[in-house]
């Protein structure tokens, strides 16, 4: 450029001014071309596509590209001034060169991070939201953070390399430091690995109803990197480290099928008609709107109890959230129907028979000689027989 300016028949100071003006005008012209081609024409073309990914990318790279254009013009201007000055201020120009180089690397890194973030956001809203799995929904924020960290770290290493800093030694120091941090944060790393395994293996998903190892039934609220959160029916939040979850047994009540069995256990009197009891309970199950037909309701005679004949009716609901309501309503229906049909639900009871003693005892100091206790099958009056000794 200086050779071209030397051909102009003017003074040296005027040539310098002309060169500065030419660089500024060229920078403005380049910025206008970028605006016309990249943002006006490209935006019109992107508006005709079915996806909005290109619109997101263009909107993201607008400011960084503008800044890069002006930075290129500024670098050209500084280089021109350095040539004109013939190396009069080498230290100043060196610091300016390093600063411009660092700014350029940061702008490029910011542009790449913005494009990756826009693409991941589009994927999370347009693709991942329509898939049956939630793995992609959970991994998109993690990938976004990892990409940002990696790109900014690489940018820092590039800047240090430009400053003639020994990157190999720095990497070695970082490696030793990472080992020390890993040893000091074993539990955190174990929880993070557990979080990755849970996200990949997917023993439960957000929204599933699970039974934890201590018997607590709750709903999966969030699966995080370090811990997972579960919401109980008391509206409290249970936070469990992922490493502990990997070691415990978790019962998933929703997956692979959301339907769940409802069990109604009851005891009836020994004089009850078992065929009538079976018919009544199965009819009440069929009448309930939440009970599904596949599998069909079933009836079981469980055992001969001390005071009752214990029976059980099993039926299924379409969703696990209907379990408690259906069980409560079925118990009310069965109770009302038993009362109308005359089927007794007995209280626990025993028949006590007093047997006369064989030796003379003092009534004021001792009880009757012996007592025999036998179970009763009904609710009638308790019979006694006792004879007093002389």
Protein backbone atom coordinates (compact mmCIF):
# COMPACT_ATOMS: atom_id res chain seq x y z
CA UNK A 1 0.00 0.00 0.00
CA UNK A 2 2.90 2.35 0.75
CA UNK A 3 4.34 1.75 -2.73
CA UNK A 4 0.98 2.67 -4.21
CA UNK A 5 0.80 5.86 -2.15
CA UNK A 6 4.33 6.85 -3.13
CA UNK A 7 3.18 7.14 -6.72
CA UNK A 8 0.79 9.94 -5.75
CA UNK A 9 2.56 13.33 -6.31
CA UNK A 10 1.83 14.79 -2.86
CA UNK A 11 3.77 15.32 0.34
CA UNK A 12 4.51 12.50 2.78
CA UNK A 13 2.12 13.80 5.46
CA UNK A 14 -0.70 13.99 2.93
CA UNK A 15 0.09 10.47 1.71
CA UNK A 16 -0.26 9.23 5.29
CA UNK A 17 -3.63 10.93 5.65
CA UNK A 18 -4.79 9.50 2.33
CA UNK A 19 -3.75 6.02 3.46
CA UNK A 20 -5.64 6.35 6.74
CA UNK A 21 -8.78 7.58 4.99
CA UNK A 22 -8.52 4.77 2.42
CA UNK A 23 -8.32 2.11 5.16
CA UNK A 24 -11.31 3.59 7.01
CA UNK A 25 -13.38 3.79 3.82
CA UNK A 26 -12.43 0.24 2.86
CA UNK A 27 -13.49 -0.97 6.31
CA UNK A 28 -16.86 0.79 6.04
CA UNK A 29 -17.36 -0.58 2.52
CA UNK A 30 -16.58 -4.10 3.70
CA UNK A 31 -19.03 -3.73 6.58
CA UNK A 32 -21.72 -2.55 4.15
CA UNK A 33 -21.06 -5.51 1.84
CA UNK A 34 -21.30 -7.93 4.77
CA UNK A 35 -24.56 -6.34 5.83
CA UNK A 36 -26.00 -6.44 2.29
CA UNK A 37 -24.91 -9.96 1.44
CA UNK A 38 -24.91 -11.81 4.76
CA UNK A 39 -27.84 -10.23 6.54
CA UNK A 40 -30.19 -8.78 3.93
CA UNK A 41 -29.92 -11.34 1.15
CA UNK A 42 -29.30 -14.29 3.42
CA UNK A 43 -32.18 -13.33 5.71
CA UNK A 44 -34.58 -13.21 2.77
CA UNK A 45 -33.45 -16.65 1.69
CA UNK A 46 -33.76 -17.98 5.24
CA UNK A 47 -37.30 -16.64 5.54
CA UNK A 48 -38.36 -18.97 2.72
CA UNK A 49 -37.18 -22.15 4.46
CA UNK A 50 -39.39 -24.30 6.67
CA UNK A 51 -36.99 -24.36 9.60
CA UNK A 52 -35.99 -21.41 11.75
CA UNK A 53 -32.48 -22.75 12.40
CA UNK A 54 -30.94 -20.52 9.73
CA UNK A 55 -32.76 -17.49 11.17
CA UNK A 56 -31.33 -18.26 14.60
CA UNK A 57 -27.80 -18.65 13.23
CA UNK A 58 -27.96 -15.40 11.27
CA UNK A 59 -29.29 -13.51 14.27
CA UNK A 60 -26.53 -14.93 16.48
CA UNK A 61 -23.59 -14.15 14.20
CA UNK A 62 -24.68 -10.62 13.32
CA UNK A 63 -22.83 -8.66 16.00
CA UNK A 64 -19.67 -10.84 16.15
CA UNK A 65 -19.23 -10.63 12.36
CA UNK A 66 -19.64 -6.85 12.42
CA UNK A 67 -17.07 -6.60 15.18
CA UNK A 68 -14.67 -8.83 13.26
CA UNK A 69 -14.97 -6.64 10.17
CA UNK A 70 -14.13 -3.53 12.17
CA UNK A 71 -11.33 -5.40 13.94
CA UNK A 72 -9.79 -6.33 10.57
CA UNK A 73 -9.91 -2.68 9.56
CA UNK A 74 -8.32 -1.67 12.86
CA UNK A 75 -5.53 -4.24 12.43
CA UNK A 76 -4.86 -2.93 8.91
CA UNK A 77 -4.77 0.61 10.26
CA UNK A 78 -2.29 -0.29 13.03
CA UNK A 79 -0.06 -2.17 10.60
CA UNK A 80 -0.08 0.81 8.24
CA UNK A 81 0.88 3.19 11.06
CA UNK A 82 3.66 0.82 12.12
CA UNK A 83 5.07 0.83 8.59
CA UNK A 84 4.77 4.58 8.30
CA UNK A 85 6.52 5.13 11.62
CA UNK A 86 9.40 2.90 10.49
CA UNK A 87 9.59 1.09 13.81
CA UNK A 88 9.75 4.17 16.00
CA UNK A 89 7.53 2.72 18.76
CA UNK A 90 8.12 -1.06 18.68
CA UNK A 91 6.96 -1.74 22.27
CA UNK A 92 3.72 0.17 21.81
CA UNK A 93 2.89 -1.55 18.56
CA UNK A 94 3.73 -4.94 20.06
CA UNK A 95 1.31 -4.46 22.94
CA UNK A 96 -1.35 -3.20 20.55
CA UNK A 97 -0.79 -6.23 18.31
CA UNK A 98 -1.17 -8.61 21.26
CA UNK A 99 -4.34 -6.85 22.42
CA UNK A 100 -5.90 -6.95 18.94
CA UNK A 101 -4.96 -10.62 18.55
CA UNK A 102 -6.59 -11.47 21.89
CA UNK A 103 -9.72 -9.53 20.99
CA UNK A 104 -9.89 -11.34 17.64
CA UNK A 105 -9.58 -14.77 19.29
CA UNK A 106 -12.27 -13.90 21.83
CA UNK A 107 -14.61 -12.67 19.07
CA UNK A 108 -14.13 -15.86 17.07
CA UNK A 109 -14.71 -17.94 20.19
CA UNK A 110 -17.82 -15.93 20.99
CA UNK A 111 -19.08 -16.47 17.46
CA UNK A 112 -18.56 -20.25 17.65
CA UNK A 113 -20.17 -20.45 21.09
CA UNK A 114 -23.16 -18.42 19.90
CA UNK A 115 -23.65 -20.62 16.84
CA UNK A 116 -23.44 -23.80 18.93
CA UNK A 117 -25.85 -22.40 21.53
CA UNK A 118 -28.34 -21.38 18.84
CA UNK A 119 -28.14 -24.80 17.20
CA UNK A 120 -28.59 -26.63 20.53
CA UNK A 121 -31.50 -24.37 21.52
CA UNK A 122 -33.18 -25.05 18.19
CA UNK A 123 -32.66 -28.80 18.65
CA UNK A 124 -34.04 -28.72 22.18
CA UNK A 125 -37.17 -26.78 21.20
CA UNK A 126 -37.86 -28.29 17.77
CA UNK A 127 -36.52 -31.86 17.84
CA UNK A 128 -36.03 -33.00 21.42
CA UNK A 129 -39.45 -31.73 22.52
CA UNK A 130 -41.14 -34.08 20.02
CA UNK A 131 -39.22 -37.23 20.88
CA UNK A 132 -40.47 -39.90 23.27
CA UNK A 133 -37.23 -39.95 25.23
CA UNK A 134 -36.07 -37.24 27.62
CA UNK A 135 -32.37 -38.05 27.33
CA UNK A 136 -31.80 -35.39 24.69
CA UNK A 137 -33.68 -32.81 26.80
CA UNK A 138 -31.40 -33.55 29.73
CA UNK A 139 -28.17 -33.62 27.71
CA UNK A 140 -28.70 -30.40 25.71
CA UNK A 141 -27.89 -28.03 28.64
CA UNK A 142 -24.92 -30.20 29.61
CA UNK A 143 -23.50 -30.19 26.07
CA UNK A 144 -24.02 -26.42 25.86
CA UNK A 145 -21.97 -25.83 29.01
CA UNK A 146 -19.25 -28.28 27.98
CA UNK A 147 -18.87 -26.64 24.55
CA UNK A 148 -18.52 -23.20 26.12
CA UNK A 149 -15.84 -24.36 28.56
CA UNK A 150 -13.85 -26.20 25.88
CA UNK A 151 -13.92 -23.33 23.37
CA UNK A 152 -12.95 -20.68 25.91
CA UNK A 153 -10.13 -22.83 27.28
CA UNK A 154 -8.80 -23.39 23.75
CA UNK A 155 -9.02 -19.63 23.14
CA UNK A 156 -6.96 -18.97 26.24
CA UNK A 157 -4.32 -21.50 25.15
CA UNK A 158 -4.13 -19.90 21.68
CA UNK A 159 -3.60 -16.45 23.21
CA UNK A 160 -0.90 -17.79 25.54
CA UNK A 161 0.82 -19.49 22.63
CA UNK A 162 0.86 -16.14 20.78
CA UNK A 163 2.57 -14.64 23.83
CA UNK A 164 5.26 -17.39 23.61
CA UNK A 165 4.11 -18.97 26.87
CA UNK A 166 5.12 -22.64 27.23
CA UNK A 167 1.75 -24.38 26.87
CA UNK A 168 3.20 -27.84 27.45
CA UNK A 169 4.35 -26.90 30.91
CA UNK A 170 1.00 -25.29 31.63
CA UNK A 171 -0.84 -28.40 30.46
CA UNK A 172 1.35 -30.55 32.71
CA UNK A 173 0.61 -28.30 35.68
CA UNK A 174 -3.10 -28.41 34.89
CA UNK A 175 -2.91 -32.21 34.71
CA UNK A 176 -1.32 -32.49 38.15
CA UNK A 177 -3.81 -29.99 39.53
CA UNK A 178 -6.68 -31.93 38.01
CA UNK A 179 -5.45 -35.12 39.67
CA UNK A 180 -5.30 -33.39 43.04
CA UNK A 181 -8.78 -31.98 42.58
CA UNK A 182 -10.07 -35.39 41.51
CA UNK A 183 -8.70 -37.00 44.68
CA UNK A 184 -10.19 -34.27 46.84
CA UNK A 185 -13.60 -34.45 45.15
CA UNK A 186 -14.14 -38.20 44.84
CA UNK A 187 -17.75 -38.06 46.02
CA UNK A 188 -18.62 -35.25 43.62
CA UNK A 189 -17.05 -37.11 40.70
CA UNK A 190 -18.85 -40.32 41.74
CA UNK A 191 -22.14 -38.43 41.79
CA UNK A 192 -21.43 -36.95 38.35
CA UNK A 193 -20.64 -40.38 36.92
CA UNK A 194 -23.82 -41.68 38.52
CA UNK A 195 -25.76 -38.84 36.88
CA UNK A 196 -24.36 -39.76 33.46
CA UNK A 197 -25.24 -43.43 34.00
CA UNK A 198 -28.79 -42.58 35.07
CA UNK A 199 -29.27 -40.34 32.02
CA UNK A 200 -27.98 -43.04 29.67
CA UNK A 201 -29.48 -46.13 31.34
CA UNK A 202 -32.75 -44.32 32.17
CA UNK A 203 -34.07 -46.46 35.04
CA UNK A 204 -36.54 -43.64 35.65
CA UNK A 205 -37.49 -40.42 33.87
CA UNK A 206 -38.81 -37.04 34.91
CA UNK A 207 -42.48 -37.44 35.86
CA UNK A 208 -42.26 -41.15 36.75
CA UNK A 209 -43.67 -42.36 40.05
CA UNK A 210 -41.09 -44.42 41.94
CA UNK A 211 -40.66 -46.16 45.28
CA UNK A 212 -37.30 -45.41 46.87
CA UNK A 213 -35.23 -47.82 48.92
CA UNK A 214 -36.76 -46.63 52.21
CA UNK A 215 -40.30 -47.21 50.90
CA UNK A 216 -41.10 -43.57 50.09
CA UNK A 217 -43.35 -43.19 47.04
CA UNK A 218 -42.63 -40.00 45.12
CA UNK A 219 -42.44 -38.45 41.67
CA UNK A 220 -39.17 -37.78 39.83
CA UNK A 221 -38.85 -34.01 39.68
CA UNK A 222 -35.36 -33.51 38.20
CA UNK A 223 -32.35 -35.61 37.21
CA UNK A 224 -29.22 -33.54 37.72
CA UNK A 225 -25.51 -34.05 37.29
CA UNK A 226 -24.72 -34.28 41.02
CA UNK A 227 -28.08 -35.27 42.51
CA UNK A 228 -31.65 -36.13 41.60
CA UNK A 229 -34.75 -34.52 43.11
CA UNK A 230 -37.98 -36.33 44.01
CA UNK A 231 -41.27 -34.70 45.03
CA UNK A 232 -43.32 -36.51 47.67
CA UNK A 233 -47.09 -36.41 48.07
CA UNK A 234 -46.58 -34.07 51.04
CA UNK A 235 -45.14 -31.60 48.48
CA UNK A 236 -41.65 -31.88 49.94
CA UNK A 237 -38.51 -32.27 47.87
CA UNK A 238 -36.20 -35.21 48.51
CA UNK A 239 -32.66 -34.66 47.17
CA UNK A 240 -30.54 -37.82 46.80
CA UNK A 241 -26.94 -37.94 45.50
CA UNK A 242 -26.71 -39.94 42.28
CA UNK A 243 -24.01 -42.22 43.71
CA UNK A 244 -26.44 -43.32 46.46
CA UNK A 245 -29.16 -43.90 43.88
CA UNK A 246 -26.85 -46.18 41.91
CA UNK A 247 -26.34 -48.33 45.03
CA UNK A 248 -30.00 -48.54 46.09
CA UNK A 249 -33.05 -50.32 44.70
CA UNK A 250 -35.62 -48.04 43.07
CA UNK A 251 -39.01 -49.41 42.02
CA UNK A 252 -40.40 -47.63 38.97
CA UNK A 253 -44.20 -47.71 39.24
CA UNK A 254 -44.78 -45.98 35.89
CA UNK A 255 -42.34 -47.63 33.49
CA UNK A 256 -42.65 -49.67 31.27
CA UNK A 257 -46.46 -49.41 31.60
CA UNK A 258 -48.35 -46.78 33.58
CA UNK A 259 -51.17 -49.10 34.67
CA UNK A 260 -51.09 -50.39 38.24
CA UNK A 261 -52.87 -53.01 40.31
CA UNK A 262 -55.32 -52.07 43.06
CA UNK A 263 -55.83 -54.59 45.87
CA UNK A 264 -58.84 -54.64 48.23
CA UNK A 265 -58.47 -57.00 51.21
CA UNK A 266 -61.35 -57.65 53.62
CA UNK A 267 -62.50 -60.25 56.16
CA UNK A 268 -66.05 -61.66 56.19
CA UNK A 269 -67.87 -63.78 58.75
CA UNK A 270 -67.50 -67.54 58.81
CA UNK A 271 -71.20 -67.96 58.00
CA UNK A 272 -70.94 -65.81 54.83
CA UNK A 273 -71.74 -67.23 51.39
CA UNK A 274 -68.39 -67.14 49.58
CA UNK A 275 -70.02 -67.23 46.15
CA UNK A 276 -72.07 -64.15 47.05
CA UNK A 277 -68.97 -62.39 48.39
CA UNK A 278 -67.10 -63.13 45.16
CA UNK A 279 -69.98 -61.91 42.97
CA UNK A 280 -70.47 -58.70 44.97
CA UNK A 281 -66.82 -57.66 44.93
CA UNK A 282 -66.32 -58.39 41.23
CA UNK A 283 -69.53 -56.54 40.34
CA UNK A 284 -68.41 -53.47 42.28
CA UNK A 285 -65.06 -53.56 40.45
CA UNK A 286 -66.82 -53.74 37.09
CA UNK A 287 -69.03 -50.78 38.00
CA UNK A 288 -66.11 -48.48 38.82
CA UNK A 289 -65.23 -46.21 35.84
CA UNK A 290 -61.47 -46.23 36.48
CA UNK A 291 -61.10 -50.03 36.56
CA UNK A 292 -59.91 -51.36 33.20
CA UNK A 293 -60.94 -54.66 31.60
CA UNK A 294 -57.45 -55.88 30.71
CA UNK A 295 -56.46 -57.56 32.95
CA UNK A 296 -59.89 -58.39 34.31
CA UNK A 297 -60.66 -58.07 38.04
CA UNK A 298 -59.97 -61.25 40.01
CA UNK A 299 -61.05 -62.66 43.38
CA UNK A 300 -58.99 -64.74 45.84
CA UNK A 301 -59.86 -66.59 49.05
CA UNK A 302 -56.73 -65.87 51.08
CA UNK A 303 -56.99 -67.72 54.40
CA UNK A 304 -59.04 -68.86 57.37
CA UNK A 305 -58.43 -66.08 59.89
CA UNK A 306 -58.93 -66.12 63.65
CA UNK A 307 -62.17 -64.16 63.42
CA UNK A 308 -62.96 -64.00 59.69
CA UNK A 309 -62.53 -65.48 56.25
CA UNK A 310 -59.97 -63.25 54.54
CA UNK A 311 -60.55 -62.53 50.86
CA UNK A 312 -58.97 -60.20 48.30
CA UNK A 313 -60.11 -58.56 45.09
CA UNK A 314 -57.47 -57.41 42.56
CA UNK A 315 -58.15 -55.02 39.69
CA UNK A 316 -56.13 -52.63 37.48
CA UNK A 317 -56.25 -48.92 36.71
CA UNK A 318 -54.93 -47.28 33.54
CA UNK A 319 -52.60 -44.85 35.31
CA UNK A 320 -50.66 -45.03 38.54
CA UNK A 321 -52.07 -41.67 39.64
CA UNK A 322 -55.55 -43.28 39.93
CA UNK A 323 -54.47 -45.93 42.43
CA UNK A 324 -55.36 -44.31 45.76
CA UNK A 325 -58.61 -42.72 44.63
CA UNK A 326 -59.84 -45.94 43.03
CA UNK A 327 -58.90 -48.05 46.07
CA UNK A 328 -60.73 -45.67 48.44
CA UNK A 329 -63.88 -45.58 46.30
CA UNK A 330 -63.90 -49.37 45.86
CA UNK A 331 -63.68 -49.88 49.64
CA UNK A 332 -66.69 -47.61 50.12
CA UNK A 333 -68.64 -49.45 47.40
CA UNK A 334 -67.81 -52.88 48.83
CA UNK A 335 -68.74 -51.76 52.38
CA UNK A 336 -72.13 -50.38 51.29
CA UNK A 337 -72.86 -53.43 49.17
CA UNK A 338 -71.94 -55.83 52.00
CA UNK A 339 -74.33 -54.01 54.30
CA UNK A 340 -77.16 -54.19 51.77
CA UNK A 341 -76.50 -57.89 51.07
CA UNK A 342 -76.22 -58.77 54.77
CA UNK A 343 -72.58 -59.86 54.53
CA UNK A 344 -70.89 -59.43 57.88
CA UNK A 345 -67.43 -57.93 58.45
CA UNK A 346 -66.74 -59.26 61.98
CA UNK A 347 -64.76 -57.65 64.76
CA UNK A 348 -61.82 -59.62 66.20
CA UNK A 349 -63.33 -61.77 68.98
CA UNK A 350 -62.76 -64.84 71.13
CA UNK A 351 -65.07 -67.25 73.03
CA UNK A 352 -63.92 -67.81 76.61
CA UNK A 353 -65.07 -70.96 78.45
CA UNK A 354 -64.37 -71.23 82.15
CA UNK A 355 -63.53 -74.77 83.31
CA UNK A 356 -64.17 -75.68 87.01
CA UNK A 357 -61.11 -76.20 89.18
CA UNK A 358 -60.18 -79.51 90.75
CA UNK A 359 -58.85 -78.13 94.04
CA UNK A 360 -60.38 -75.85 96.64
CA UNK A 361 -59.08 -72.31 96.30
CA UNK A 362 -59.64 -69.08 98.17
CA UNK A 363 -61.78 -66.77 95.90
CA UNK A 364 -60.35 -63.63 97.44
CA UNK A 365 -56.77 -64.55 96.55
CA UNK A 366 -56.95 -66.59 93.33
CA UNK A 367 -58.76 -66.60 90.01
CA UNK A 368 -60.66 -69.62 88.63
CA UNK A 369 -58.49 -72.67 88.22
CA UNK A 370 -58.03 -72.55 84.41
CA UNK A 371 -59.48 -71.00 81.28
CA UNK A 372 -59.65 -72.29 77.75
CA UNK A 373 -59.78 -69.76 74.87
CA UNK A 374 -61.24 -70.85 71.53
CA UNK A 375 -61.87 -68.76 68.39
CA UNK A 376 -65.39 -67.84 67.44
CA UNK A 377 -66.80 -67.90 63.92
CA UNK A 378 -69.67 -65.50 64.56
CA UNK A 379 -70.70 -62.41 66.45
CA UNK A 380 -73.28 -63.88 68.81
CA UNK A 381 -73.25 -63.64 72.60
CA UNK A 382 -70.21 -64.95 74.40
CA UNK A 383 -71.19 -68.16 76.27
CA UNK A 384 -69.83 -68.90 79.67
CA UNK A 385 -70.09 -71.82 82.02
CA UNK A 386 -68.61 -71.79 85.48
CA UNK A 387 -69.11 -73.74 88.61
CA UNK A 388 -67.98 -72.56 92.00
CA UNK A 389 -66.33 -74.94 94.43
CA UNK A 390 -67.27 -75.29 97.96
